[in-house]
C-alpha atoms as a PDB file:
ATOM      1  CA  VAL A   1      57.292  57.908  -9.699  1.00  0.00           C
ATOM      2  CA  ARG A   2      56.177  60.233  -6.930  1.00  0.00           C
ATOM      3  CA  ASP A   3      52.764  60.715  -5.387  1.00  0.00           C
ATOM      4  CA  ALA A   4      51.007  64.090  -5.350  1.00  0.00           C
ATOM      5  CA  ASP A   5      52.429  64.767  -1.860  1.00  0.00           C
ATOM      6  CA  GLY A   6      56.009  64.039  -3.017  1.00  0.00           C
ATOM      7  CA  SER A   7      56.416  60.625  -1.393  1.00  0.00           C
ATOM      8  CA  SER A   8      58.198  57.859  -3.295  1.00  0.00           C
ATOM      9  CA  ASN A   9      55.090  55.806  -4.252  1.00  0.00           C
ATOM     10  CA  GLY A  10      56.606  52.638  -2.763  1.00  0.00           C
ATOM     11  CA  ILE A  11      59.705  52.651  -4.996  1.00  0.00           C
ATOM     12  CA  GLU A  12      63.066  52.285  -3.254  1.00  0.00           C
ATOM     13  CA  VAL A  13      66.466  52.199  -4.989  1.00  0.00           C
ATOM     14  CA  GLN A  14      68.290  49.206  -3.518  1.00  0.00           C
ATOM     15  CA  ARG A  15      71.611  49.445  -5.303  1.00  0.00           C
ATOM     16  CA  LEU A  16      73.133  51.351  -8.204  1.00  0.00           C
ATOM     17  CA  LYS A  17      75.155  48.976 -10.349  1.00  0.00           C
ATOM     18  CA  ASP A  18      78.734  49.604 -11.420  1.00  0.00           C
ATOM     19  CA  LYS A  19      78.834  48.239 -14.954  1.00  0.00           C
ATOM     20  CA  LEU A  20      81.043  48.192 -18.008  1.00  0.00           C
ATOM     21  CA  GLY A  21      80.240  50.010 -21.234  1.00  0.00           C
ATOM     22  CA  THR A  22      77.118  52.026 -20.525  1.00  0.00           C
ATOM     23  CA  ARG A  23      78.204  54.041 -17.502  1.00  0.00           C
ATOM     24  CA  GLN A  24      76.316  57.151 -18.681  1.00  0.00           C
ATOM     25  CA  VAL A  25      72.983  55.339 -18.254  1.00  0.00           C
ATOM     26  CA  PRO A  26      72.406  54.508 -14.574  1.00  0.00           C
ATOM     27  CA  THR A  27      71.089  51.031 -13.779  1.00  0.00           C
ATOM     28  CA  ALA A  28      69.686  50.100 -10.388  1.00  0.00           C
ATOM     29  CA  GLU A  29      67.813  47.406  -8.532  1.00  0.00           C
ATOM     30  CA  LEU A  30      64.418  48.680  -7.406  1.00  0.00           C
ATOM     31  CA  LEU A  31      62.215  47.467  -4.584  1.00  0.00           C
ATOM     32  CA  LEU A  32      58.527  47.914  -5.455  1.00  0.00           C
ATOM     33  CA  ASP A  33      56.612  47.735  -2.176  1.00  0.00           C
ATOM     34  CA  GLY A  34      53.013  48.932  -2.340  1.00  0.00           C
ATOM     35  CA  THR A  35      53.670  50.692  -5.623  1.00  0.00           C
ATOM     36  CA  ASN A  36      50.674  51.905  -7.593  1.00  0.00           C
ATOM     37  CA  ALA A  37      50.405  50.380 -11.062  1.00  0.00           C
ATOM     38  CA  GLN A  38      48.349  51.121 -14.142  1.00  0.00           C
ATOM     39  CA  LEU A  39      47.074  48.568 -16.614  1.00  0.00           C
ATOM     40  CA  VAL A  40      48.704  49.043 -20.017  1.00  0.00           C
ATOM     41  CA  LYS A  41      46.381  46.932 -22.141  1.00  0.00           C
ATOM     42  CA  ARG A  42      43.850  44.197 -21.513  1.00  0.00           C
ATOM     43  CA  THR A  43      43.023  41.649 -24.161  1.00  0.00           C
ATOM     44  CA  ARG A  44      40.438  38.940 -24.251  1.00  0.00           C
ATOM     45  CA  ARG A  45      41.506  35.747 -25.932  1.00  0.00           C
ATOM     46  CA  PRO A  46      38.672  33.213 -26.104  1.00  0.00           C
ATOM     47  CA  SER A  47      41.152  30.330 -26.425  1.00  0.00           C
ATOM     48  CA  VAL A  48      42.698  31.107 -23.010  1.00  0.00           C
ATOM     49  CA  PRO A  49      41.112  29.172 -20.115  1.00  0.00           C
ATOM     50  CA  PRO A  50      39.626  31.303 -17.307  1.00  0.00           C
ATOM     51  CA  PHE A  51      42.230  30.161 -14.743  1.00  0.00           C
ATOM     52  CA  ALA A  52      45.014  31.753 -16.850  1.00  0.00           C
ATOM     53  CA  ALA A  53      43.977  35.326 -15.986  1.00  0.00           C
ATOM     54  CA  PRO A  54      47.524  36.813 -15.810  1.00  0.00           C
ATOM     55  CA  SER A  55      48.073  35.997 -19.497  1.00  0.00           C
ATOM     56  CA  ASP A  56      45.184  38.336 -20.343  1.00  0.00           C
ATOM     57  CA  PHE A  57      47.498  41.267 -19.645  1.00  0.00           C
ATOM     58  CA  ILE A  58      50.045  42.028 -22.346  1.00  0.00           C
ATOM     59  CA  VAL A  59      52.117  45.082 -23.212  1.00  0.00           C
ATOM     60  CA  VAL A  60      52.584  44.495 -26.966  1.00  0.00           C
ATOM     61  CA  SER A  61      50.687  42.569 -29.602  1.00  0.00           C
ATOM     62  CA  GLU A  62      51.376  38.880 -30.068  1.00  0.00           C
ATOM     63  CA  GLY A  63      54.292  38.255 -32.408  1.00  0.00           C
ATOM     64  CA  ARG A  64      55.749  41.755 -31.866  1.00  0.00           C
ATOM     65  CA  GLY A  65      57.997  41.015 -28.872  1.00  0.00           C
ATOM     66  CA  VAL A  66      61.301  40.885 -30.770  1.00  0.00           C
ATOM     67  CA  ALA A  67      60.396  43.994 -32.774  1.00  0.00           C
ATOM     68  CA  SER A  68      59.640  45.872 -29.543  1.00  0.00           C
ATOM     69  CA  ILE A  69      62.933  44.811 -27.984  1.00  0.00           C
ATOM     70  CA  ALA A  70      64.835  45.755 -31.162  1.00  0.00           C
ATOM     71  CA  ASN A  71      63.284  49.215 -31.020  1.00  0.00           C
ATOM     72  CA  MET A  72      64.388  49.633 -27.380  1.00  0.00           C
ATOM     73  CA  LEU A  73      67.922  48.500 -28.255  1.00  0.00           C
ATOM     74  CA  THR A  74      68.116  51.033 -31.101  1.00  0.00           C
ATOM     75  CA  ILE A  75      67.103  53.860 -28.765  1.00  0.00           C
ATOM     76  CA  THR A  76      69.628  52.666 -26.154  1.00  0.00           C
ATOM     77  CA  ARG A  77      72.421  52.570 -28.749  1.00  0.00           C
ATOM     78  CA  ILE A  78      71.657  56.154 -29.817  1.00  0.00           C
ATOM     79  CA  TYR A  79      71.862  57.424 -26.226  1.00  0.00           C
ATOM     80  CA  ASN A  80      75.117  55.543 -25.610  1.00  0.00           C
ATOM     81  CA  ALA A  81      76.856  56.641 -28.822  1.00  0.00           C
END
């Protein structure tokens, strides 16, 4: 999350949350101001009209959203056990 010169790359921690249950895993609100981003995956779907450009960018394959979330939850449960 830091640039080559050590600056914060536009990421600022706004507030650490005090939560129940998973206290060992810190959770915070982040302000992303001028943050550099990298494209994860670009797909071309011929059925999508040209004005719907943001939907061209997806992180997982269609129909795999729940499976991806389930995988994240499993990893989170292991770290919190």
